Amino acid sequence: MKHKHILRPSRSSSVHPLLIAAALLLSPALSHVVAAQQPAGESRFTTLKIAPHTKVRIHYVNYGKGSDAIVLIHGWTCNLDNWAAQIPDFARRGHVVALDLPGHGESDKPQIAYTMDLFAQAVSAVMKDAKVKRAVLVGHSMGTPVARQFYRKFPQQTLAIVAVDGALRQFADKTLMDRMIAGFRSPNYRDVLGQMFTAMLGPNISADAKERVKASSLNTPQHVLVSAMEGMADNAIWGIDKINVPVLAIMAKNPFYPPTLEAQTREVAPNMDFQVWDGVGHFIMMEKPKEFNATVLAFLDKNQLVQKK
C-alpha cells in the first residue's frame, strides 16, 4: 500500500539521577513541523521474515531515488516523525529513507525479542525495498547502537554513521540497566516513562513537542519497550571491534556522561568527528534543527557522501 505521508499528530494525557543517566541511551523525539513544509514522501511497507512462520511488517517513508541514501533511525519508543525537521533539508540533498523500527510507529508489534540485531535486519529490509545499496545511517539514541549493529552485519552497505546523543560504547552498568528494566516491567511503567522524558527535555523544546514526545512513548506497547531495553543491555552488542567508516557524533553536554566518553568512543571509531553541544537536551535535532542539519550536511560534504546530483 502506498500513500503520501503526512505527519501523524498525537496528544498525551526532581527525578533520581540514575533514571536520567540510563535514559541518555534511549529516547524518542518528535518535531513540531507544519506538514506543508515536508516534501512529498511515499509511505510504504515491507516485510521481514524472522522465523519460518513469523513475519514482521515494517513501515517506512521514501523521499527521492538513488542507490546511496541517508537512512534515519529513531530512538526508543519513538517513530519516524522524529525526523520531521530534518527531512526537508536532507531530501534536497538526495535520497532519504525514514523508518518505523519493529514495535514502533506503524510497524508491527508482535510478542518477539526486540534486539539490536532485529532492528538492524529491519533497516536492511527497508533499504532493499527502497533500492538503496549504501547508506549514511543517522541514529538517534537507541538508533545509534542499531546503526552500529547494522555496520557489523553489512559493512559494505554502510557509508558512514551519525550518532545523535547515542552510545557506541556502553557506559551504563548492569545494575543500573536492571533497575531501569524492572521499572518498565512494573504496572506503573507509564509514570516512569513520564519522569524520564521530563528529565530529558531541553530548554528549546516547545510545549506542543513536549506533549508529543510523551505521547509517542505511551503509544509503545510495554512488551516492546521492555524488550528493546533488554536488547540495549546485552553485552554482546558493545564489543570493541572497529568501525572503519567515517563517524560523526553529536552529543549533548551532560554531567552523567563519563569524562572518558570521547576517548572510549575513538577506540572503536578512529575516523570520528566528536562534538559536544551545550545548551541542548537529548533531542538535539528537535531543539536546534538548522544547526543540526547544517552539521550533518557539512559532514557529508567533507567525506563526499550522498552527493547532490
C-alpha atoms as a PDB file:
ATOM      1  CA  MET A   1       0.000   0.000   0.000  1.00  0.00           C
ATOM      2  CA  LYS A   2       1.348   3.428  -0.961  1.00  0.00           C
ATOM      3  CA  HIS A   3       0.181   6.862   0.094  1.00  0.00           C
ATOM      4  CA  LYS A   4       1.569  10.310   0.618  1.00  0.00           C
ATOM      5  CA  HIS A   5       2.944  10.610   4.103  1.00  0.00           C
ATOM      6  CA  ILE A   6       1.526  13.192   6.485  1.00  0.00           C
ATOM      7  CA  LEU A   7       2.995  13.772   9.912  1.00  0.00           C
ATOM      8  CA  ARG A   8       0.997  11.890  12.494  1.00  0.00           C
ATOM      9  CA  PRO A   9      -0.283  14.259  15.185  1.00  0.00           C
ATOM     10  CA  SER A  10      -0.761  12.866  18.663  1.00  0.00           C
ATOM     11  CA  ARG A  11      -1.805  14.007  22.139  1.00  0.00           C
ATOM     12  CA  SER A  12      -0.822  12.652  25.549  1.00  0.00           C
ATOM     13  CA  SER A  13      -2.778  12.776  28.550  1.00  0.00           C
ATOM     14  CA  SER A  14      13.299  16.048  40.901  1.00  0.00           C
ATOM     15  CA  VAL A  15      13.966  12.640  39.029  1.00  0.00           C
ATOM     16  CA  HIS A  16      16.568  10.283  40.503  1.00  0.00           C
ATOM     17  CA  PRO A  17      19.930  10.760  38.733  1.00  0.00           C
ATOM     18  CA  LEU A  18      20.097   7.067  37.839  1.00  0.00           C
ATOM     19  CA  LEU A  19      16.921   7.414  35.810  1.00  0.00           C
ATOM     20  CA  ILE A  20      18.420  10.294  33.881  1.00  0.00           C
ATOM     21  CA  ALA A  21      21.723   8.553  33.287  1.00  0.00           C
ATOM     22  CA  ALA A  22      20.142   5.420  31.864  1.00  0.00           C
ATOM     23  CA  ALA A  23      17.680   7.446  29.854  1.00  0.00           C
ATOM     24  CA  LEU A  24      20.501   9.078  27.920  1.00  0.00           C
ATOM     25  CA  LEU A  25      20.840   5.898  25.888  1.00  0.00           C
ATOM     26  CA  LEU A  26      17.255   5.580  24.952  1.00  0.00           C
ATOM     27  CA  SER A  27      14.894   8.340  23.953  1.00  0.00           C
ATOM     28  CA  PRO A  28      12.241   9.310  21.427  1.00  0.00           C
ATOM     29  CA  ALA A  29      11.568  12.700  19.939  1.00  0.00           C
ATOM     30  CA  LEU A  30       9.034  14.319  17.672  1.00  0.00           C
ATOM     31  CA  SER A  31       9.406  17.657  15.913  1.00  0.00           C
ATOM     32  CA  HIS A  32       6.554  20.112  15.531  1.00  0.00           C
ATOM     33  CA  VAL A  33       6.797  20.911  11.833  1.00  0.00           C
ATOM     34  CA  VAL A  34       3.963  22.049   9.596  1.00  0.00           C
ATOM     35  CA  ALA A  35       3.057  19.215   7.240  1.00  0.00           C
ATOM     36  CA  ALA A  36       3.076  21.553   4.258  1.00  0.00           C
ATOM     37  CA  GLN A  37       6.810  22.106   4.762  1.00  0.00           C
ATOM     38  CA  GLN A  38       7.526  18.452   4.146  1.00  0.00           C
ATOM     39  CA  PRO A  39       8.476  17.133   0.712  1.00  0.00           C
ATOM     40  CA  ALA A  40       6.163  14.522  -0.750  1.00  0.00           C
ATOM     41  CA  GLY A  41       7.129  11.123   0.579  1.00  0.00           C
ATOM     42  CA  GLU A  42       5.930   7.691  -0.451  1.00  0.00           C
ATOM     43  CA  SER A  43       4.694   5.699   2.533  1.00  0.00           C
ATOM     44  CA  ARG A  44       5.439   2.005   2.097  1.00  0.00           C
ATOM     45  CA  PHE A  45       5.511  -1.306   3.948  1.00  0.00           C
ATOM     46  CA  THR A  46       7.962  -4.143   3.559  1.00  0.00           C
ATOM     47  CA  THR A  47       8.182  -7.495   5.319  1.00  0.00           C
ATOM     48  CA  LEU A  48      10.969  -9.028   7.390  1.00  0.00           C
ATOM     49  CA  LYS A  49      10.918 -12.797   7.933  1.00  0.00           C
ATOM     50  CA  ILE A  50      12.259 -13.506  11.414  1.00  0.00           C
ATOM     51  CA  ALA A  51      11.243 -17.178  11.754  1.00  0.00           C
ATOM     52  CA  PRO A  52       9.788 -19.870   9.466  1.00  0.00           C
ATOM     53  CA  HIS A  53       6.255 -18.819  10.325  1.00  0.00           C
ATOM     54  CA  THR A  54       6.786 -15.300  11.646  1.00  0.00           C
ATOM     55  CA  LYS A  55       6.961 -12.124   9.595  1.00  0.00           C
ATOM     56  CA  VAL A  56       7.019  -8.506  10.692  1.00  0.00           C
ATOM     57  CA  ARG A  57       5.647  -5.725   8.537  1.00  0.00           C
ATOM     58  CA  ILE A  58       7.846  -2.628   8.608  1.00  0.00           C
ATOM     59  CA  HIS A  59       6.667   0.854   7.715  1.00  0.00           C
ATOM     60  CA  TYR A  60       8.886   3.460   6.112  1.00  0.00           C
ATOM     61  CA  VAL A  61       8.654   6.638   4.065  1.00  0.00           C
ATOM     62  CA  ASN A  62      10.772   7.121   0.976  1.00  0.00           C
ATOM     63  CA  TYR A  63      11.877  10.525  -0.311  1.00  0.00           C
ATOM     64  CA  GLY A  64      13.516  10.553  -3.729  1.00  0.00           C
ATOM     65  CA  LYS A  65      15.673   7.986  -5.506  1.00  0.00           C
ATOM     66  CA  GLY A  66      19.278   6.868  -5.624  1.00  0.00           C
ATOM     67  CA  SER A  67      21.407   3.871  -4.685  1.00  0.00           C
ATOM     68  CA  ASP A  68      23.091   5.934  -1.937  1.00  0.00           C
ATOM     69  CA  ALA A  69      20.806   7.370   0.724  1.00  0.00           C
ATOM     70  CA  ILE A  70      20.506   8.931   4.153  1.00  0.00           C
ATOM     71  CA  VAL A  71      18.650   6.468   6.388  1.00  0.00           C
ATOM     72  CA  LEU A  72      17.083   7.896   9.557  1.00  0.00           C
ATOM     73  CA  ILE A  73      16.771   5.580  12.573  1.00  0.00           C
ATOM     74  CA  HIS A  74      14.724   6.860  15.514  1.00  0.00           C
ATOM     75  CA  GLY A  75      15.179   6.170  19.209  1.00  0.00           C
ATOM     76  CA  TRP A  76      13.488   4.009  21.821  1.00  0.00           C
ATOM     77  CA  THR A  77       9.665   4.278  21.884  1.00  0.00           C
ATOM     78  CA  CYS A  78       9.739   6.764  19.005  1.00  0.00           C
ATOM     79  CA  ASN A  79       8.828   6.661  15.310  1.00  0.00           C
ATOM     80  CA  LEU A  80       9.908   8.167  12.008  1.00  0.00           C
ATOM     81  CA  ASP A  81       8.201  11.510  12.681  1.00  0.00           C
ATOM     82  CA  ASN A  82      11.165  12.075  14.991  1.00  0.00           C
ATOM     83  CA  TRP A  83      12.995  13.392  11.925  1.00  0.00           C
ATOM     84  CA  ALA A  84      10.361  15.844  10.683  1.00  0.00           C
ATOM     85  CA  ALA A  85      12.699  18.838  10.922  1.00  0.00           C
ATOM     86  CA  GLN A  86      15.489  17.035   9.056  1.00  0.00           C
ATOM     87  CA  ILE A  87      13.655  15.608   6.059  1.00  0.00           C
ATOM     88  CA  PRO A  88      13.220  18.835   4.018  1.00  0.00           C
ATOM     89  CA  ASP A  89      16.922  19.745   4.116  1.00  0.00           C
ATOM     90  CA  PHE A  90      18.163  16.197   3.691  1.00  0.00           C
ATOM     91  CA  ALA A  91      15.739  15.435   0.845  1.00  0.00           C
ATOM     92  CA  ARG A  92      17.098  18.429  -1.072  1.00  0.00           C
ATOM     93  CA  ARG A  93      20.468  16.730  -0.824  1.00  0.00           C
ATOM     94  CA  GLY A  94      19.433  13.306  -2.093  1.00  0.00           C
ATOM     95  CA  HIS A  95      17.587  10.086  -1.351  1.00  0.00           C
ATOM     96  CA  VAL A  96      16.203   9.912   2.208  1.00  0.00           C
ATOM     97  CA  VAL A  97      14.534   6.973   3.942  1.00  0.00           C
ATOM     98  CA  ALA A  98      12.902   7.189   7.390  1.00  0.00           C
ATOM     99  CA  LEU A  99      11.571   4.024   9.003  1.00  0.00           C
ATOM    100  CA  ASP A 100       9.500   2.886  11.946  1.00  0.00           C
ATOM    101  CA  LEU A 101      11.515   0.175  13.679  1.00  0.00           C
ATOM    102  CA  PRO A 102       9.600  -3.026  14.519  1.00  0.00           C
ATOM    103  CA  GLY A 103       7.417  -2.437  17.554  1.00  0.00           C
ATOM    104  CA  HIS A 104       7.228   1.308  16.866  1.00  0.00           C
ATOM    105  CA  GLY A 105       5.080   3.701  14.877  1.00  0.00           C
ATOM    106  CA  GLU A 106       3.066   1.976  12.141  1.00  0.00           C
ATOM    107  CA  SER A 107       5.225  -1.157  12.067  1.00  0.00           C
ATOM    108  CA  ASP A 108       4.017  -4.461  13.505  1.00  0.00           C
ATOM    109  CA  LYS A 109       4.378  -5.024  17.253  1.00  0.00           C
ATOM    110  CA  PRO A 110       4.305  -8.793  17.860  1.00  0.00           C
ATOM    111  CA  GLN A 111       5.447 -10.561  21.037  1.00  0.00           C
ATOM    112  CA  ILE A 112       9.060 -11.148  19.971  1.00  0.00           C
ATOM    113  CA  ALA A 113      12.537 -10.206  21.187  1.00  0.00           C
ATOM    114  CA  TYR A 114      13.307  -6.632  20.123  1.00  0.00           C
ATOM    115  CA  THR A 115      17.072  -6.904  19.806  1.00  0.00           C
ATOM    116  CA  MET A 116      19.513  -4.560  18.113  1.00  0.00           C
ATOM    117  CA  ASP A 117      20.096  -7.374  15.624  1.00  0.00           C
ATOM    118  CA  LEU A 118      16.391  -7.476  14.750  1.00  0.00           C
ATOM    119  CA  PHE A 119      16.377  -3.714  14.257  1.00  0.00           C
ATOM    120  CA  ALA A 120      19.477  -3.917  12.041  1.00  0.00           C
ATOM    121  CA  GLN A 121      17.778  -6.573   9.929  1.00  0.00           C
ATOM    122  CA  ALA A 122      14.741  -4.297   9.647  1.00  0.00           C
ATOM    123  CA  VAL A 123      16.935  -1.461   8.351  1.00  0.00           C
ATOM    124  CA  SER A 124      18.373  -3.870   5.792  1.00  0.00           C
ATOM    125  CA  ALA A 125      14.910  -4.973   4.659  1.00  0.00           C
ATOM    126  CA  VAL A 126      13.800  -1.369   4.232  1.00  0.00           C
ATOM    127  CA  MET A 127      16.924  -0.451   2.269  1.00  0.00           C
ATOM    128  CA  LYS A 128      16.408  -3.397  -0.054  1.00  0.00           C
ATOM    129  CA  ASP A 129      12.778  -2.469  -0.652  1.00  0.00           C
ATOM    130  CA  ALA A 130      13.729   1.187  -1.269  1.00  0.00           C
ATOM    131  CA  LYS A 131      16.503   0.084  -3.669  1.00  0.00           C
ATOM    132  CA  VAL A 132      19.249   1.574  -1.502  1.00  0.00           C
ATOM    133  CA  LYS A 133      22.629  -0.135  -1.840  1.00  0.00           C
ATOM    134  CA  ARG A 134      24.646   2.031   0.566  1.00  0.00           C
ATOM    135  CA  ALA A 135      23.576   4.364   3.348  1.00  0.00           C
ATOM    136  CA  VAL A 136      24.672   7.045   5.754  1.00  0.00           C
ATOM    137  CA  LEU A 137      22.948   5.821   8.912  1.00  0.00           C
ATOM    138  CA  VAL A 138      21.735   8.617  11.198  1.00  0.00           C
ATOM    139  CA  GLY A 139      20.711   7.136  14.536  1.00  0.00           C
ATOM    140  CA  HIS A 140      19.270   8.991  17.487  1.00  0.00           C
ATOM    141  CA  SER A 141      19.746   7.472  20.955  1.00  0.00           C
ATOM    142  CA  MET A 142      18.894   3.758  20.566  1.00  0.00           C
ATOM    143  CA  GLY A 143      19.220   4.307  16.833  1.00  0.00           C
ATOM    144  CA  THR A 144      22.989   4.605  17.353  1.00  0.00           C
ATOM    145  CA  PRO A 145      23.568   1.013  18.558  1.00  0.00           C
ATOM    146  CA  VAL A 146      21.136  -0.078  15.831  1.00  0.00           C
ATOM    147  CA  ALA A 147      23.365   1.616  13.238  1.00  0.00           C
ATOM    148  CA  ARG A 148      26.402   0.060  14.925  1.00  0.00           C
ATOM    149  CA  GLN A 149      24.871  -3.414  14.648  1.00  0.00           C
ATOM    150  CA  PHE A 150      23.922  -2.782  11.017  1.00  0.00           C
ATOM    151  CA  TYR A 151      27.558  -1.939  10.273  1.00  0.00           C
ATOM    152  CA  ARG A 152      28.672  -5.221  11.852  1.00  0.00           C
ATOM    153  CA  LYS A 153      26.317  -7.209   9.645  1.00  0.00           C
ATOM    154  CA  PHE A 154      26.516  -5.122   6.474  1.00  0.00           C
ATOM    155  CA  PRO A 155      29.782  -3.171   6.411  1.00  0.00           C
ATOM    156  CA  GLN A 156      29.839  -2.841   2.621  1.00  0.00           C
ATOM    157  CA  GLN A 157      26.418  -1.174   2.717  1.00  0.00           C
ATOM    158  CA  THR A 158      27.449   1.386   5.352  1.00  0.00           C
ATOM    159  CA  LEU A 159      28.895   4.668   4.074  1.00  0.00           C
ATOM    160  CA  ALA A 160      29.032   6.413   7.456  1.00  0.00           C
ATOM    161  CA  ILE A 161      27.333   6.635  10.846  1.00  0.00           C
ATOM    162  CA  VAL A 162      25.941   9.735  12.540  1.00  0.00           C
ATOM    163  CA  ALA A 163      25.436   9.173  16.271  1.00  0.00           C
ATOM    164  CA  VAL A 164      22.918  11.641  17.723  1.00  0.00           C
ATOM    165  CA  ASP A 165      23.387  11.621  21.501  1.00  0.00           C
ATOM    166  CA  GLY A 166      23.655   7.858  21.297  1.00  0.00           C
ATOM    167  CA  ALA A 167      26.212   5.368  22.554  1.00  0.00           C
ATOM    168  CA  LEU A 168      28.807   3.444  20.577  1.00  0.00           C
ATOM    169  CA  ARG A 169      30.366   2.246  23.851  1.00  0.00           C
ATOM    170  CA  GLN A 170      28.444   1.047  26.879  1.00  0.00           C
ATOM    171  CA  PHE A 171      28.551   3.360  29.874  1.00  0.00           C
ATOM    172  CA  ALA A 172      25.506   2.267  31.906  1.00  0.00           C
ATOM    173  CA  ASP A 173      26.414  -0.693  34.113  1.00  0.00           C
ATOM    174  CA  LYS A 174      24.320  -3.841  34.537  1.00  0.00           C
ATOM    175  CA  THR A 175      22.953  -2.831  37.942  1.00  0.00           C
ATOM    176  CA  LEU A 176      21.618   0.416  36.527  1.00  0.00           C
ATOM    177  CA  MET A 177      20.118  -1.234  33.457  1.00  0.00           C
ATOM    178  CA  ASP A 178      18.498  -3.988  35.542  1.00  0.00           C
ATOM    179  CA  ARG A 179      16.913  -1.332  37.739  1.00  0.00           C
ATOM    180  CA  MET A 180      15.549   0.503  34.725  1.00  0.00           C
ATOM    181  CA  ILE A 181      14.191  -2.661  33.135  1.00  0.00           C
ATOM    182  CA  ALA A 182      12.453  -3.588  36.401  1.00  0.00           C
ATOM    183  CA  GLY A 183      10.791  -0.185  36.438  1.00  0.00           C
ATOM    184  CA  PHE A 184       9.395  -0.692  32.953  1.00  0.00           C
ATOM    185  CA  ARG A 185       8.080  -4.146  33.819  1.00  0.00           C
ATOM    186  CA  SER A 186       6.023  -2.694  36.678  1.00  0.00           C
ATOM    187  CA  PRO A 187       2.319  -1.771  36.447  1.00  0.00           C
ATOM    188  CA  ASN A 188       3.187   1.932  36.834  1.00  0.00           C
ATOM    189  CA  TYR A 189       5.683   1.934  33.967  1.00  0.00           C
ATOM    190  CA  ARG A 190       3.869   4.862  32.345  1.00  0.00           C
ATOM    191  CA  ASP A 191       4.742   7.039  35.331  1.00  0.00           C
ATOM    192  CA  VAL A 192       8.389   6.024  34.966  1.00  0.00           C
ATOM    193  CA  LEU A 193       8.262   6.978  31.286  1.00  0.00           C
ATOM    194  CA  GLY A 194       6.801  10.364  32.124  1.00  0.00           C
ATOM    195  CA  GLN A 195       9.524  11.081  34.680  1.00  0.00           C
ATOM    196  CA  MET A 196      12.233  10.005  32.289  1.00  0.00           C
ATOM    197  CA  PHE A 197      11.191  12.239  29.435  1.00  0.00           C
ATOM    198  CA  THR A 198      10.505  15.203  31.672  1.00  0.00           C
ATOM    199  CA  ALA A 199      14.109  14.946  32.880  1.00  0.00           C
ATOM    200  CA  MET A 200      15.499  14.749  29.363  1.00  0.00           C
ATOM    201  CA  LEU A 201      13.700  17.645  27.680  1.00  0.00           C
ATOM    202  CA  GLY A 202      15.996  20.514  26.778  1.00  0.00           C
ATOM    203  CA  PRO A 203      15.425  24.270  27.069  1.00  0.00           C
ATOM    204  CA  ASN A 204      14.388  24.751  23.430  1.00  0.00           C
ATOM    205  CA  ILE A 205      11.539  22.229  23.269  1.00  0.00           C
ATOM    206  CA  SER A 206       8.103  23.718  22.591  1.00  0.00           C
ATOM    207  CA  ALA A 207       5.133  22.846  24.800  1.00  0.00           C
ATOM    208  CA  ASP A 208       3.488  21.020  21.906  1.00  0.00           C
ATOM    209  CA  ALA A 209       6.636  18.996  21.239  1.00  0.00           C
ATOM    210  CA  LYS A 210       6.845  18.035  24.914  1.00  0.00           C
ATOM    211  CA  GLU A 211       3.357  16.584  24.760  1.00  0.00           C
ATOM    212  CA  ARG A 212       4.142  14.708  21.549  1.00  0.00           C
ATOM    213  CA  VAL A 213       7.336  13.243  22.993  1.00  0.00           C
ATOM    214  CA  LYS A 214       5.423  11.841  25.943  1.00  0.00           C
ATOM    215  CA  ALA A 215       2.555  10.629  23.755  1.00  0.00           C
ATOM    216  CA  SER A 216       4.881   8.714  21.461  1.00  0.00           C
ATOM    217  CA  SER A 217       6.381   6.832  24.402  1.00  0.00           C
ATOM    218  CA  LEU A 218       2.964   5.963  25.807  1.00  0.00           C
ATOM    219  CA  ASN A 219       1.895   4.596  22.420  1.00  0.00           C
ATOM    220  CA  THR A 220       4.641   1.966  22.503  1.00  0.00           C
ATOM    221  CA  PRO A 221       3.441  -1.353  23.997  1.00  0.00           C
ATOM    222  CA  GLN A 222       5.023  -2.353  27.288  1.00  0.00           C
ATOM    223  CA  HIS A 223       6.385  -5.624  25.906  1.00  0.00           C
ATOM    224  CA  VAL A 224       8.222  -3.681  23.180  1.00  0.00           C
ATOM    225  CA  LEU A 225       9.841  -1.071  25.398  1.00  0.00           C
ATOM    226  CA  VAL A 226      10.948  -3.681  27.954  1.00  0.00           C
ATOM    227  CA  SER A 227      12.399  -5.996  25.324  1.00  0.00           C
ATOM    228  CA  ALA A 228      14.161  -3.183  23.447  1.00  0.00           C
ATOM    229  CA  MET A 229      15.795  -2.016  26.665  1.00  0.00           C
ATOM    230  CA  GLU A 230      16.911  -5.583  27.359  1.00  0.00           C
ATOM    231  CA  GLY A 231      18.397  -5.543  23.876  1.00  0.00           C
ATOM    232  CA  MET A 232      20.402  -2.450  24.731  1.00  0.00           C
ATOM    233  CA  ALA A 233      21.603  -4.087  27.958  1.00  0.00           C
ATOM    234  CA  ASP A 234      23.025  -7.050  26.042  1.00  0.00           C
ATOM    235  CA  ASN A 235      26.810  -7.018  26.459  1.00  0.00           C
ATOM    236  CA  ALA A 236      27.214  -8.728  23.091  1.00  0.00           C
ATOM    237  CA  ILE A 237      26.391  -5.511  21.203  1.00  0.00           C
ATOM    238  CA  TRP A 238      29.081  -3.464  22.941  1.00  0.00           C
ATOM    239  CA  GLY A 239      32.185  -5.100  21.506  1.00  0.00           C
ATOM    240  CA  ILE A 240      35.314  -3.103  20.710  1.00  0.00           C
ATOM    241  CA  ASP A 241      35.541  -4.175  17.063  1.00  0.00           C
ATOM    242  CA  LYS A 242      36.424  -1.191  14.907  1.00  0.00           C
ATOM    243  CA  ILE A 243      34.113   0.973  12.799  1.00  0.00           C
ATOM    244  CA  ASN A 244      36.135   1.684   9.675  1.00  0.00           C
ATOM    245  CA  VAL A 245      33.843   4.260   8.092  1.00  0.00           C
ATOM    246  CA  PRO A 246      33.508   7.967   8.935  1.00  0.00           C
ATOM    247  CA  VAL A 247      31.575   8.683  12.133  1.00  0.00           C
ATOM    248  CA  LEU A 248      30.028  11.949  13.295  1.00  0.00           C
ATOM    249  CA  ALA A 249      28.997  12.024  16.955  1.00  0.00           C
ATOM    250  CA  ILE A 250      26.834  14.953  18.098  1.00  0.00           C
ATOM    251  CA  MET A 251      26.389  14.721  21.842  1.00  0.00           C
ATOM    252  CA  ALA A 252      24.572  16.909  24.342  1.00  0.00           C
ATOM    253  CA  LYS A 253      26.716  18.214  27.193  1.00  0.00           C
ATOM    254  CA  ASN A 254      25.648  16.271  30.247  1.00  0.00           C
ATOM    255  CA  PRO A 255      27.319  15.616  33.620  1.00  0.00           C
ATOM    256  CA  PHE A 256      26.166  11.998  33.571  1.00  0.00           C
ATOM    257  CA  TYR A 257      28.431  11.162  30.627  1.00  0.00           C
ATOM    258  CA  PRO A 258      31.798   9.800  31.735  1.00  0.00           C
ATOM    259  CA  PRO A 259      34.741  12.162  31.157  1.00  0.00           C
ATOM    260  CA  THR A 260      36.387   9.435  29.075  1.00  0.00           C
ATOM    261  CA  LEU A 261      33.457   9.156  26.647  1.00  0.00           C
ATOM    262  CA  GLU A 262      35.262  10.619  23.640  1.00  0.00           C
ATOM    263  CA  ALA A 263      38.400   8.571  24.209  1.00  0.00           C
ATOM    264  CA  GLN A 264      36.382   5.383  24.693  1.00  0.00           C
ATOM    265  CA  THR A 265      34.378   6.038  21.547  1.00  0.00           C
ATOM    266  CA  ARG A 266      37.507   6.709  19.490  1.00  0.00           C
ATOM    267  CA  GLU A 267      38.733   3.242  20.420  1.00  0.00           C
ATOM    268  CA  VAL A 268      36.033   1.799  18.169  1.00  0.00           C
ATOM    269  CA  ALA A 269      35.595   4.729  15.766  1.00  0.00           C
ATOM    270  CA  PRO A 270      39.053   6.112  14.930  1.00  0.00           C
ATOM    271  CA  ASN A 271      37.734   8.163  11.991  1.00  0.00           C
ATOM    272  CA  MET A 272      35.351  10.260  14.086  1.00  0.00           C
ATOM    273  CA  ASP A 273      34.283  13.878  14.360  1.00  0.00           C
ATOM    274  CA  PHE A 274      33.199  14.165  18.009  1.00  0.00           C
ATOM    275  CA  GLN A 275      31.152  17.211  19.011  1.00  0.00           C
ATOM    276  CA  VAL A 276      29.573  18.159  22.342  1.00  0.00           C
ATOM    277  CA  TRP A 277      26.810  20.776  22.165  1.00  0.00           C
ATOM    278  CA  ASP A 278      25.977  22.922  25.170  1.00  0.00           C
ATOM    279  CA  GLY A 279      22.516  24.275  25.987  1.00  0.00           C
ATOM    280  CA  VAL A 280      20.577  21.382  24.468  1.00  0.00           C
ATOM    281  CA  GLY A 281      18.837  18.319  25.833  1.00  0.00           C
ATOM    282  CA  HIS A 282      18.826  14.798  24.476  1.00  0.00           C
ATOM    283  CA  PHE A 283      16.660  15.706  21.476  1.00  0.00           C
ATOM    284  CA  ILE A 284      19.295  17.749  19.668  1.00  0.00           C
ATOM    285  CA  MET A 285      17.759  17.541  16.199  1.00  0.00           C
ATOM    286  CA  MET A 286      14.477  18.924  17.543  1.00  0.00           C
ATOM    287  CA  GLU A 287      15.954  21.743  19.578  1.00  0.00           C
ATOM    288  CA  LYS A 288      18.446  23.069  17.037  1.00  0.00           C
ATOM    289  CA  PRO A 289      17.317  21.660  13.696  1.00  0.00           C
ATOM    290  CA  LYS A 290      19.024  24.246  11.475  1.00  0.00           C
ATOM    291  CA  GLU A 291      22.377  23.831  13.204  1.00  0.00           C
ATOM    292  CA  PHE A 292      21.995  20.060  13.306  1.00  0.00           C
ATOM    293  CA  ASN A 293      21.092  19.771   9.630  1.00  0.00           C
ATOM    294  CA  ALA A 294      23.965  22.033   8.589  1.00  0.00           C
ATOM    295  CA  THR A 295      26.417  19.982  10.668  1.00  0.00           C
ATOM    296  CA  VAL A 296      25.320  16.681   9.137  1.00  0.00           C
ATOM    297  CA  LEU A 297      25.391  18.067   5.600  1.00  0.00           C
ATOM    298  CA  ALA A 298      28.872  19.510   6.178  1.00  0.00           C
ATOM    299  CA  PHE A 299      29.982  16.054   7.351  1.00  0.00           C
ATOM    300  CA  LEU A 300      28.621  14.557   4.136  1.00  0.00           C
ATOM    301  CA  ASP A 301      30.438  17.204   2.081  1.00  0.00           C
ATOM    302  CA  LYS A 302      33.718  16.601   3.901  1.00  0.00           C
ATOM    303  CA  ASN A 303      33.535  12.879   3.186  1.00  0.00           C
ATOM    304  CA  GLN A 304      31.936  13.242  -0.276  1.00  0.00           C
ATOM    305  CA  LEU A 305      28.909  11.170   0.666  1.00  0.00           C
ATOM    306  CA  VAL A 306      25.405  11.171  -0.894  1.00  0.00           C
ATOM    307  CA  GLN A 307      26.481  13.770  -3.417  1.00  0.00           C
ATOM    308  CA  LYS A 308      23.803  16.119  -4.700  1.00  0.00           C
ATOM    309  CA  LYS A 309      23.083  15.490  -8.375  1.00  0.00           C
END
